[in-house]
Amino acid sequence: MYRKTDVLDRDFAAARASLLDLAAFLDRVERAGGEGDFRWDALLNALPLLEDAGVERTRRILEALSFPGETPTESAIGKAACGAPDLNA
């Protein structure tokens, strides 16, 4: 079993870089003109889960950003899935 300091020694720099990348993305979107869409809303709704100290944080964030139904939609925006559910569609 790893100690917390072992994990921090190994992964802290990468986690720090990921967090800074996410903050920069949020800043870019907020500076951009126009309105956001369901992807922006889904991302903002998932952010508080990062602070939740409960177990399975990754699973809960993935579920928050995934289509909730069992039947797939007939089409996706563009050519692929968009990474967040459009609950208004």
Protein backbone atom coordinates (compact mmCIF):
# COMPACT_ATOMS: atom_id res chain seq x y z
CA MET A 1 0.00 0.00 0.00
CA TYR A 2 1.28 3.41 -0.96
CA ARG A 3 1.59 6.24 1.50
CA LYS A 4 0.10 9.61 0.58
CA THR A 5 3.59 11.07 0.34
CA ASP A 6 4.56 8.35 -2.17
CA VAL A 7 1.64 9.27 -4.40
CA LEU A 8 2.35 12.99 -3.99
CA ASP A 9 6.03 12.47 -4.84
CA ARG A 10 5.09 10.56 -7.97
CA ASP A 11 2.06 12.47 -9.28
CA PHE A 12 1.93 15.98 -7.81
CA ALA A 13 3.59 17.78 -10.73
CA ALA A 14 1.23 16.19 -13.28
CA ALA A 15 -1.85 16.92 -11.14
CA ARG A 16 -0.70 20.52 -10.69
CA ALA A 17 -0.27 20.90 -14.45
CA SER A 18 -3.73 19.41 -15.08
CA LEU A 19 -5.32 21.78 -12.59
CA LEU A 20 -3.60 24.79 -14.16
CA ASP A 21 -4.70 23.61 -17.62
CA LEU A 22 -8.31 23.35 -16.42
CA ALA A 23 -8.15 26.82 -14.83
CA ALA A 24 -6.78 28.27 -18.08
CA PHE A 25 -9.58 26.61 -20.05
CA LEU A 26 -12.23 28.02 -17.70
CA ASP A 27 -10.66 31.49 -18.04
CA ARG A 28 -10.69 31.24 -21.86
CA VAL A 29 -14.34 30.22 -21.97
CA GLU A 30 -15.36 32.98 -19.56
CA ARG A 31 -13.47 35.61 -21.62
CA ALA A 32 -15.08 34.45 -24.88
CA GLY A 33 -18.18 36.16 -26.20
CA GLY A 34 -21.63 34.66 -26.51
CA GLU A 35 -23.41 32.11 -24.42
CA GLY A 36 -22.21 28.73 -23.23
CA ASP A 37 -24.17 25.55 -23.82
CA PHE A 38 -24.96 22.31 -22.02
CA ARG A 39 -21.27 21.28 -22.03
CA TRP A 40 -20.31 24.38 -20.05
CA ASP A 41 -23.18 23.80 -17.64
CA ALA A 42 -22.22 20.12 -17.20
CA LEU A 43 -18.60 21.01 -16.53
CA LEU A 44 -19.49 23.67 -13.96
CA ASN A 45 -21.88 21.25 -12.26
CA ALA A 46 -19.13 18.59 -12.05
CA LEU A 47 -16.48 20.89 -10.56
CA PRO A 48 -17.79 20.74 -6.96
CA LEU A 49 -17.28 16.97 -7.07
CA LEU A 50 -13.51 17.62 -7.07
CA GLU A 51 -13.80 18.97 -3.53
CA ASP A 52 -15.96 16.11 -2.30
CA ALA A 53 -13.77 13.91 -0.16
CA GLY A 54 -15.99 10.86 -0.61
CA VAL A 55 -14.78 7.76 -2.37
CA GLU A 56 -15.03 7.16 -6.11
CA ARG A 57 -14.68 10.82 -7.08
CA THR A 58 -13.58 9.84 -10.59
CA ARG A 59 -16.63 7.63 -11.14
CA ARG A 60 -19.01 10.33 -9.95
CA ILE A 61 -17.44 12.97 -12.21
CA LEU A 62 -17.52 10.60 -15.19
CA GLU A 63 -21.18 9.84 -14.52
CA ALA A 64 -21.96 13.57 -14.26
CA LEU A 65 -20.40 14.05 -17.71
CA SER A 66 -22.00 10.99 -19.31
CA PHE A 67 -25.32 10.30 -20.98
CA PRO A 68 -27.60 9.06 -18.19
CA GLY A 69 -29.89 6.78 -20.21
CA GLU A 70 -29.49 3.24 -21.41
CA THR A 71 -30.74 3.89 -24.94
CA PRO A 72 -28.23 5.84 -27.03
CA THR A 73 -29.34 8.96 -28.85
CA GLU A 74 -29.81 8.72 -32.60
CA SER A 75 -27.14 11.32 -33.35
CA ALA A 76 -24.39 13.26 -31.68
CA ILE A 77 -23.35 16.87 -32.19
CA GLY A 78 -20.88 16.88 -35.04
CA LYS A 79 -19.24 13.57 -35.81
CA ALA A 80 -18.71 12.21 -32.30
CA ALA A 81 -19.92 12.26 -28.73
CA CYS A 82 -19.44 15.62 -27.07
CA GLY A 83 -18.37 14.51 -23.59
CA ALA A 84 -21.36 15.81 -21.66
CA PRO A 85 -25.05 15.01 -21.63
CA ASP A 86 -27.45 17.47 -23.22
CA LEU A 87 -30.28 17.06 -20.75
CA ASN A 88 -32.38 19.60 -22.65
CA ALA A 89 -32.35 17.67 -25.93
